[in-house]
């Protein structure tokens, strides 16, 4: 098992779904984990889960779309744990709406949380990671999606969502180049159809869900833990020569 003893990780959007499993997976392997989310109550529940298993964690209330919130949250983490080694940029939303009905507010909210939020967190994380010794241990993992401009994964009602996720991939490649001299790797994990509360809340009609699963070679939705396994690898020393890359965890969807 990969070991993160002595490492400090921050997971945004950590209260449920994939964020929760990312936080638990890192904590189980010895990392001190800051669970960041806009919902303090559910965030605290994940911290309690980690503590019950002997881990060390804290809850950080944060709206990733607001720089003041991001800076205040990171300040809390540094004050408690003294450093930051790993950022999992997981916070995001999905709201389906036809493009002709999208308002400017709809567009801005999606991009503010999904894309701007990842940049603000990555930027602050890089500033903290650059202070670490020895250099070369900073890991930033940005969560995108197969719905990011890939062939065959256009999602009706998701123009704003797809734009935000495609932007994450382009941004990640640039940050990887800029921050490599600082010893910081920046990669993307792009999940396919994963069984999470956000997907359940989208209330996708059964026929549409069945059609989507039929396109996946493995013929099932993924589990959050299967995405977390990739996150854990990219956060580890085993991925020391990996940066600027996108890893699809999609059951073979894009191989079709």
Protein backbone atom coordinates (compact mmCIF):
# COMPACT_ATOMS: atom_id res chain seq x y z
CA UNK A 1 0.00 0.00 0.00
CA UNK A 2 1.27 3.50 -0.84
CA UNK A 3 2.25 5.43 2.26
CA UNK A 4 1.57 9.13 2.84
CA UNK A 5 2.84 9.40 6.41
CA UNK A 6 4.13 12.92 6.98
CA UNK A 7 2.17 14.32 4.03
CA UNK A 8 -0.65 16.86 4.25
CA UNK A 9 -3.50 16.75 1.74
CA UNK A 10 -6.38 19.11 1.05
CA UNK A 11 -9.46 17.76 -0.74
CA UNK A 12 -12.05 20.25 -1.97
CA UNK A 13 -15.67 19.21 -2.34
CA UNK A 14 -14.83 16.57 0.23
CA UNK A 15 -18.12 16.07 2.01
CA UNK A 16 -19.56 13.31 -0.18
CA UNK A 17 -19.23 11.29 -3.37
CA UNK A 18 -15.76 11.15 -4.88
CA UNK A 19 -14.44 13.90 -2.63
CA UNK A 20 -15.25 11.83 0.42
CA UNK A 21 -13.58 8.70 -0.95
CA UNK A 22 -10.49 10.69 -2.01
CA UNK A 23 -10.18 12.05 1.53
CA UNK A 24 -10.69 8.64 3.13
CA UNK A 25 -8.23 6.93 0.78
CA UNK A 26 -5.46 9.42 1.53
CA UNK A 27 -6.13 9.31 5.27
CA UNK A 28 -6.11 5.50 5.31
CA UNK A 29 -2.60 5.65 3.88
CA UNK A 30 -1.30 8.00 6.54
CA UNK A 31 -1.87 11.50 5.19
CA UNK A 32 -3.17 14.29 7.36
CA UNK A 33 -6.25 15.47 5.49
CA UNK A 34 -8.05 18.81 5.33
CA UNK A 35 -11.58 18.18 4.09
CA UNK A 36 -12.82 21.39 2.45
CA UNK A 37 -16.40 22.05 1.49
CA UNK A 38 -19.07 24.73 1.50
CA UNK A 39 -21.21 22.51 3.78
CA UNK A 40 -19.55 22.42 7.20
CA UNK A 41 -21.92 19.83 8.71
CA UNK A 42 -21.33 17.11 6.11
CA UNK A 43 -17.65 18.02 5.98
CA UNK A 44 -17.41 17.40 9.73
CA UNK A 45 -18.97 13.98 9.21
CA UNK A 46 -16.11 12.93 6.93
CA UNK A 47 -13.58 14.20 9.46
CA UNK A 48 -15.29 12.07 12.11
CA UNK A 49 -15.06 9.03 9.81
CA UNK A 50 -11.34 9.58 9.41
CA UNK A 51 -10.80 10.11 13.13
CA UNK A 52 -12.74 6.94 13.95
CA UNK A 53 -10.19 5.00 11.90
CA UNK A 54 -7.26 6.61 13.68
CA UNK A 55 -6.56 9.30 11.12
CA UNK A 56 -5.82 13.00 11.52
CA UNK A 57 -8.17 15.39 9.73
CA UNK A 58 -9.76 18.80 9.90
CA UNK A 59 -12.80 20.45 8.33
CA UNK A 60 -12.40 23.66 6.33
CA UNK A 61 -15.45 25.62 5.24
CA UNK A 62 -14.69 27.05 1.81
CA UNK A 63 -16.44 28.46 -1.25
CA UNK A 64 -13.82 27.75 -3.90
CA UNK A 65 -15.23 30.42 -6.23
CA UNK A 66 -14.23 33.18 -3.79
CA UNK A 67 -10.53 34.01 -3.40
CA UNK A 68 -10.98 35.34 0.13
CA UNK A 69 -12.58 32.04 1.16
CA UNK A 70 -9.83 30.04 -0.51
CA UNK A 71 -7.06 32.03 1.17
CA UNK A 72 -8.75 31.82 4.57
CA UNK A 73 -9.20 28.07 4.19
CA UNK A 74 -5.59 27.47 3.18
CA UNK A 75 -4.45 29.66 6.07
CA UNK A 76 -6.33 27.35 8.46
CA UNK A 77 -4.68 24.28 6.98
CA UNK A 78 -1.17 25.74 7.21
CA UNK A 79 -1.81 26.93 10.75
CA UNK A 80 -2.86 23.45 11.89
CA UNK A 81 -0.63 21.17 9.82
CA UNK A 82 2.29 23.45 8.94
CA UNK A 83 2.55 22.58 5.25
CA UNK A 84 0.70 21.28 2.19
CA UNK A 85 1.88 18.46 -0.07
CA UNK A 86 -1.22 17.33 -1.97
CA UNK A 87 -4.23 19.16 -3.41
CA UNK A 88 -7.18 17.26 -4.84
CA UNK A 89 -9.27 19.83 -6.72
CA UNK A 90 -12.57 17.97 -6.57
CA UNK A 91 -15.23 20.65 -5.89
CA UNK A 92 -17.70 21.01 -8.72
CA UNK A 93 -21.35 21.20 -9.71
CA UNK A 94 -23.50 19.89 -12.53
CA UNK A 95 -26.81 21.43 -13.57
CA UNK A 96 -28.36 20.31 -16.85
CA UNK A 97 -29.91 23.05 -18.98
CA UNK A 98 -30.35 23.43 -22.76
CA UNK A 99 -27.94 25.93 -24.29
CA UNK A 100 -30.73 28.14 -25.62
CA UNK A 101 -32.06 28.53 -22.08
CA UNK A 102 -28.76 29.20 -20.32
CA UNK A 103 -28.53 32.57 -18.62
CA UNK A 104 -25.35 34.50 -18.05
CA UNK A 105 -25.74 33.70 -14.35
CA UNK A 106 -25.98 29.95 -15.11
CA UNK A 107 -22.81 30.10 -17.18
CA UNK A 108 -20.87 32.18 -14.67
CA UNK A 109 -21.82 29.99 -11.70
CA UNK A 110 -20.69 26.81 -13.45
CA UNK A 111 -17.39 28.30 -14.60
CA UNK A 112 -16.78 30.07 -11.30
CA UNK A 113 -17.02 26.88 -9.26
CA UNK A 114 -15.74 24.24 -11.67
CA UNK A 115 -12.90 26.14 -13.38
CA UNK A 116 -12.08 29.37 -11.56
CA UNK A 117 -12.32 27.53 -8.24
CA UNK A 118 -9.76 24.96 -9.34
CA UNK A 119 -7.39 27.69 -10.47
CA UNK A 120 -7.67 29.66 -7.23
CA UNK A 121 -6.99 26.55 -5.16
CA UNK A 122 -4.15 25.36 -7.40
CA UNK A 123 -2.50 28.77 -7.35
CA UNK A 124 -2.54 29.01 -3.56
CA UNK A 125 -1.48 25.37 -3.20
CA UNK A 126 1.50 25.91 -5.49
CA UNK A 127 2.65 28.87 -3.42
CA UNK A 128 2.62 26.69 -0.31
CA UNK A 129 4.17 23.64 -1.99
CA UNK A 130 7.04 25.75 -3.34
CA UNK A 131 8.11 26.34 0.28
CA UNK A 132 8.45 22.63 1.04
CA UNK A 133 11.73 20.84 1.54
CA UNK A 134 12.79 18.67 -0.12
CA UNK A 135 11.50 20.08 -3.39
CA UNK A 136 9.70 17.80 -5.81
CA UNK A 137 6.96 16.59 -3.52
CA UNK A 138 4.07 18.85 -4.55
CA UNK A 139 1.12 17.07 -6.12
CA UNK A 140 -1.97 18.74 -7.60
CA UNK A 141 -4.72 16.51 -8.97
CA UNK A 142 -7.52 18.28 -10.81
CA UNK A 143 -10.79 16.43 -11.31
CA UNK A 144 -12.35 16.91 -14.75
CA UNK A 145 -14.65 14.56 -16.70
CA UNK A 146 -14.92 12.57 -19.90
CA UNK A 147 -17.39 15.33 -20.81
CA UNK A 148 -14.60 17.75 -21.62
CA UNK A 149 -14.68 18.00 -25.39
CA UNK A 150 -13.88 14.34 -26.09
CA UNK A 151 -15.26 12.70 -29.23
CA UNK A 152 -18.48 10.83 -28.51
CA UNK A 153 -19.18 12.37 -25.11
CA UNK A 154 -21.25 15.43 -26.00
CA UNK A 155 -23.89 15.86 -23.31
CA UNK A 156 -27.13 17.61 -24.20
CA UNK A 157 -27.83 20.29 -21.63
CA UNK A 158 -24.18 20.46 -20.62
CA UNK A 159 -22.55 23.20 -22.72
CA UNK A 160 -21.48 25.14 -19.62
CA UNK A 161 -20.38 21.99 -17.78
CA UNK A 162 -18.34 20.66 -20.71
CA UNK A 163 -16.69 24.06 -21.17
CA UNK A 164 -15.66 24.10 -17.53
CA UNK A 165 -14.23 20.58 -17.60
CA UNK A 166 -12.41 21.07 -20.90
CA UNK A 167 -10.92 24.23 -19.45
CA UNK A 168 -9.53 22.25 -16.53
CA UNK A 169 -7.54 20.01 -18.88
CA UNK A 170 -6.06 22.92 -20.82
CA UNK A 171 -5.26 24.81 -17.63
CA UNK A 172 -3.61 21.75 -16.10
CA UNK A 173 -1.23 21.31 -19.02
CA UNK A 174 -0.10 24.93 -18.71
CA UNK A 175 0.31 24.78 -14.93
CA UNK A 176 2.31 21.56 -15.25
CA UNK A 177 4.81 23.30 -17.53
CA UNK A 178 5.04 26.44 -15.39
CA UNK A 179 5.36 24.67 -12.05
CA UNK A 180 7.63 21.75 -12.95
CA UNK A 181 10.71 23.82 -12.00
CA UNK A 182 9.14 24.22 -8.54
CA UNK A 183 8.93 20.46 -8.10
CA UNK A 184 5.14 20.44 -8.42
CA UNK A 185 3.30 17.99 -10.65
CA UNK A 186 -0.17 18.82 -11.95
CA UNK A 187 -2.39 16.13 -13.47
CA UNK A 188 -6.02 15.48 -14.33
CA UNK A 189 -8.27 12.59 -13.40
CA UNK A 190 -11.29 12.53 -15.70
CA UNK A 191 -14.03 10.18 -14.48
CA UNK A 192 -16.72 8.72 -16.69
CA UNK A 193 -20.12 7.66 -15.38
CA UNK A 194 -19.59 7.31 -11.64
CA UNK A 195 -22.33 6.47 -9.14
CA UNK A 196 -22.28 9.58 -6.94
CA UNK A 197 -24.89 11.73 -5.18
CA UNK A 198 -24.38 14.44 -7.83
CA UNK A 199 -25.28 12.00 -10.62
CA UNK A 200 -28.26 10.76 -8.64
CA UNK A 201 -29.43 14.34 -8.06
CA UNK A 202 -29.30 15.00 -11.81
CA UNK A 203 -32.32 12.66 -12.16
CA UNK A 204 -31.26 11.36 -15.55
CA UNK A 205 -34.19 9.46 -17.15
CA UNK A 206 -33.80 5.67 -17.00
CA UNK A 207 -33.76 5.25 -20.77
CA UNK A 208 -30.99 7.84 -21.08
CA UNK A 209 -29.01 6.19 -18.28
CA UNK A 210 -29.43 2.75 -19.86
CA UNK A 211 -28.26 4.11 -23.21
CA UNK A 212 -25.19 5.66 -21.60
CA UNK A 213 -24.23 2.47 -19.77
CA UNK A 214 -24.71 0.50 -23.00
CA UNK A 215 -21.90 2.59 -24.54
CA UNK A 216 -19.47 1.64 -21.77
CA UNK A 217 -17.54 -1.59 -22.53
CA UNK A 218 -17.67 -2.64 -18.86
CA UNK A 219 -21.48 -2.17 -18.92
CA UNK A 220 -21.72 -0.52 -15.53
CA UNK A 221 -21.16 2.73 -13.70
CA UNK A 222 -17.93 3.21 -11.83
CA UNK A 223 -17.56 3.44 -8.07
CA UNK A 224 -16.06 6.53 -6.40
CA UNK A 225 -13.36 4.34 -4.86
CA UNK A 226 -12.18 3.35 -8.34
CA UNK A 227 -11.52 7.00 -9.14
CA UNK A 228 -9.82 7.51 -5.78
CA UNK A 229 -7.35 4.74 -6.63
CA UNK A 230 -6.05 6.86 -9.52
CA UNK A 231 -5.96 9.97 -7.35
CA UNK A 232 -3.90 8.13 -4.74
CA UNK A 233 -1.40 6.97 -7.36
CA UNK A 234 -0.94 10.48 -8.77
CA UNK A 235 -0.50 11.88 -5.26
CA UNK A 236 2.23 9.35 -4.49
CA UNK A 237 6.00 9.29 -5.03
CA UNK A 238 5.40 6.52 -7.59
CA UNK A 239 4.09 9.23 -9.94
CA UNK A 240 7.18 11.41 -9.58
CA UNK A 241 7.77 11.64 -13.37
CA UNK A 242 4.14 12.18 -14.34
CA UNK A 243 2.83 15.69 -14.99
CA UNK A 244 0.55 17.48 -17.43
CA UNK A 245 -1.34 14.26 -18.17
CA UNK A 246 -5.02 13.33 -18.16
CA UNK A 247 -6.11 9.93 -16.87
CA UNK A 248 -9.56 8.68 -17.83
CA UNK A 249 -11.34 6.41 -15.37
CA UNK A 250 -14.31 5.55 -17.55
CA UNK A 251 -14.72 1.79 -17.97
CA UNK A 252 -13.44 2.04 -21.54
CA UNK A 253 -15.98 4.64 -22.68
CA UNK A 254 -13.47 6.65 -24.72
CA UNK A 255 -11.95 3.50 -26.23
CA UNK A 256 -15.09 2.96 -28.31
